[in-house]
Amino acid sequence: MRAQDIVIRPIITEKSMLGIAEKKYTFEVAKSATKIDIARAVEELFKVKVAKVNTVHVRGHLRRQGRFEGYTRAWKKAYVTLTADSKTIEFFEGMM
């Protein structure tokens, strides 16, 4: 898989923005990606050094529209922590 196929999109929330000060970034990633795959993809895409990767499987939520109901899609979230000597990811700097 290419790095662009592994890292799908960044997660931009208040909670994820608080982690940027500690060089912790949050991404939506491919469900089949391993922690090693995610670390390599982030290093390749953003030219940074990854210290560790934590992953979470996010289950789909039940949603209703009138009498119809269904589940939102399930996806995988990755918390990527960079090393202390690594540079920051510029994309997130504009969000602060």
C-alpha atoms as a PDB file:
ATOM      1  CA  MET A   1       0.000   0.000   0.000  1.00  0.00           C
ATOM      2  CA  ARG A   2       1.096   3.562  -0.683  1.00  0.00           C
ATOM      3  CA  ALA A   3       1.461   6.052   2.168  1.00  0.00           C
ATOM      4  CA  GLN A   4      -1.488   8.049   0.784  1.00  0.00           C
ATOM      5  CA  ASP A   5      -3.671   4.918   1.012  1.00  0.00           C
ATOM      6  CA  ILE A   6      -2.736   4.302   4.657  1.00  0.00           C
ATOM      7  CA  VAL A   7      -3.207   7.828   6.088  1.00  0.00           C
ATOM      8  CA  ILE A   8      -6.693   8.843   4.947  1.00  0.00           C
ATOM      9  CA  ARG A   9      -7.199  12.197   6.711  1.00  0.00           C
ATOM     10  CA  PRO A  10      -6.194  14.152   9.831  1.00  0.00           C
ATOM     11  CA  ILE A  11      -8.676  14.400  12.688  1.00  0.00           C
ATOM     12  CA  ILE A  12      -9.306  18.063  13.580  1.00  0.00           C
ATOM     13  CA  THR A  13     -11.105  18.316  16.942  1.00  0.00           C
ATOM     14  CA  GLU A  14     -10.553  20.316  20.119  1.00  0.00           C
ATOM     15  CA  LYS A  15      -9.168  17.254  21.883  1.00  0.00           C
ATOM     16  CA  SER A  16      -6.775  16.367  19.055  1.00  0.00           C
ATOM     17  CA  MET A  17      -5.541  19.985  18.868  1.00  0.00           C
ATOM     18  CA  LEU A  18      -4.527  19.876  22.552  1.00  0.00           C
ATOM     19  CA  GLY A  19      -2.129  17.025  21.784  1.00  0.00           C
ATOM     20  CA  ILE A  20      -0.155  19.037  19.223  1.00  0.00           C
ATOM     21  CA  ALA A  21       1.784  20.786  22.017  1.00  0.00           C
ATOM     22  CA  GLU A  22       3.147  17.345  23.020  1.00  0.00           C
ATOM     23  CA  LYS A  23       3.762  16.344  19.358  1.00  0.00           C
ATOM     24  CA  LYS A  24       0.786  13.949  19.317  1.00  0.00           C
ATOM     25  CA  TYR A  25      -1.224  13.909  16.088  1.00  0.00           C
ATOM     26  CA  THR A  26      -4.445  12.089  15.232  1.00  0.00           C
ATOM     27  CA  PHE A  27      -5.288  10.528  11.846  1.00  0.00           C
ATOM     28  CA  GLU A  28      -7.940   8.357  10.260  1.00  0.00           C
ATOM     29  CA  VAL A  29      -6.109   5.383   8.766  1.00  0.00           C
ATOM     30  CA  ALA A  30      -6.898   2.325   6.648  1.00  0.00           C
ATOM     31  CA  LYS A  31      -8.551  -0.464   8.656  1.00  0.00           C
ATOM     32  CA  SER A  32      -5.996  -3.021   7.477  1.00  0.00           C
ATOM     33  CA  ALA A  33      -2.935  -0.871   8.334  1.00  0.00           C
ATOM     34  CA  THR A  34      -0.616  -2.007  11.140  1.00  0.00           C
ATOM     35  CA  LYS A  35       1.176   0.313  13.560  1.00  0.00           C
ATOM     36  CA  ILE A  36       4.429  -0.189  11.634  1.00  0.00           C
ATOM     37  CA  ASP A  37       2.680   0.661   8.331  1.00  0.00           C
ATOM     38  CA  ILE A  38       1.213   3.820   9.887  1.00  0.00           C
ATOM     39  CA  ALA A  39       4.578   4.939  11.309  1.00  0.00           C
ATOM     40  CA  ARG A  40       6.329   4.480   7.955  1.00  0.00           C
ATOM     41  CA  ALA A  41       3.534   6.300   6.085  1.00  0.00           C
ATOM     42  CA  VAL A  42       3.603   9.329   8.432  1.00  0.00           C
ATOM     43  CA  GLU A  43       7.407   9.503   8.243  1.00  0.00           C
ATOM     44  CA  GLU A  44       7.277   9.376   4.431  1.00  0.00           C
ATOM     45  CA  LEU A  45       4.434  11.885   3.988  1.00  0.00           C
ATOM     46  CA  PHE A  46       5.491  14.523   6.527  1.00  0.00           C
ATOM     47  CA  LYS A  47       9.294  13.928   6.774  1.00  0.00           C
ATOM     48  CA  VAL A  48       9.216  13.481  10.588  1.00  0.00           C
ATOM     49  CA  LYS A  49      10.429  10.842  13.085  1.00  0.00           C
ATOM     50  CA  VAL A  50       7.734   8.747  14.780  1.00  0.00           C
ATOM     51  CA  ALA A  51       8.279   7.575  18.377  1.00  0.00           C
ATOM     52  CA  LYS A  52       5.118   5.475  18.783  1.00  0.00           C
ATOM     53  CA  VAL A  53       1.690   4.768  17.329  1.00  0.00           C
ATOM     54  CA  ASN A  54      -1.497   3.891  19.223  1.00  0.00           C
ATOM     55  CA  THR A  55      -4.569   2.702  17.306  1.00  0.00           C
ATOM     56  CA  VAL A  56      -8.290   2.532  18.070  1.00  0.00           C
ATOM     57  CA  HIS A  57     -11.113   0.861  16.134  1.00  0.00           C
ATOM     58  CA  VAL A  58     -14.056   3.305  16.124  1.00  0.00           C
ATOM     59  CA  ARG A  59     -17.371   1.462  15.923  1.00  0.00           C
ATOM     60  CA  GLY A  60     -20.222   2.812  13.808  1.00  0.00           C
ATOM     61  CA  HIS A  61     -22.922   4.749  15.670  1.00  0.00           C
ATOM     62  CA  LEU A  62     -26.643   4.102  15.313  1.00  0.00           C
ATOM     63  CA  ARG A  63     -28.321   7.007  13.491  1.00  0.00           C
ATOM     64  CA  ARG A  64     -32.002   7.551  12.710  1.00  0.00           C
ATOM     65  CA  GLN A  65     -33.751   9.637  10.078  1.00  0.00           C
ATOM     66  CA  GLY A  66     -37.462   9.433  10.779  1.00  0.00           C
ATOM     67  CA  ARG A  67     -38.489   5.767  10.629  1.00  0.00           C
ATOM     68  CA  PHE A  68     -35.244   4.652   8.962  1.00  0.00           C
ATOM     69  CA  GLU A  69     -32.195   3.727  10.971  1.00  0.00           C
ATOM     70  CA  GLY A  70     -28.717   2.474  10.247  1.00  0.00           C
ATOM     71  CA  TYR A  71     -25.138   2.578  11.380  1.00  0.00           C
ATOM     72  CA  THR A  72     -22.407   5.006  10.365  1.00  0.00           C
ATOM     73  CA  ARG A  73     -19.303   3.347   9.004  1.00  0.00           C
ATOM     74  CA  ALA A  74     -16.677   1.867  11.325  1.00  0.00           C
ATOM     75  CA  TRP A  75     -13.117   3.198  10.932  1.00  0.00           C
ATOM     76  CA  LYS A  76      -9.655   3.142  12.483  1.00  0.00           C
ATOM     77  CA  LYS A  77      -8.001   6.034  14.320  1.00  0.00           C
ATOM     78  CA  ALA A  78      -4.258   6.377  14.970  1.00  0.00           C
ATOM     79  CA  TYR A  79      -2.563   8.535  17.588  1.00  0.00           C
ATOM     80  CA  VAL A  80       0.978   9.250  16.335  1.00  0.00           C
ATOM     81  CA  THR A  81       3.592  10.561  18.787  1.00  0.00           C
ATOM     82  CA  LEU A  82       6.734  12.128  17.320  1.00  0.00           C
ATOM     83  CA  THR A  83      10.205  12.012  18.854  1.00  0.00           C
ATOM     84  CA  ALA A  84      11.367  15.009  20.901  1.00  0.00           C
ATOM     85  CA  ASP A  85      13.978  16.021  18.290  1.00  0.00           C
ATOM     86  CA  SER A  86      11.596  15.668  15.332  1.00  0.00           C
ATOM     87  CA  LYS A  87      10.160  18.716  13.584  1.00  0.00           C
ATOM     88  CA  THR A  88       6.418  19.386  13.802  1.00  0.00           C
ATOM     89  CA  ILE A  89       3.880  18.741  11.035  1.00  0.00           C
ATOM     90  CA  GLU A  90       3.249  22.089   9.308  1.00  0.00           C
ATOM     91  CA  PHE A  91      -0.317  21.189   8.268  1.00  0.00           C
ATOM     92  CA  PHE A  92      -1.515  21.323  11.890  1.00  0.00           C
ATOM     93  CA  GLU A  93       0.324  24.565  12.691  1.00  0.00           C
ATOM     94  CA  GLY A  94      -2.166  26.589  10.638  1.00  0.00           C
ATOM     95  CA  MET A  95      -5.042  25.234  12.755  1.00  0.00           C
ATOM     96  CA  MET A  96      -3.830  26.721  16.039  1.00  0.00           C
END
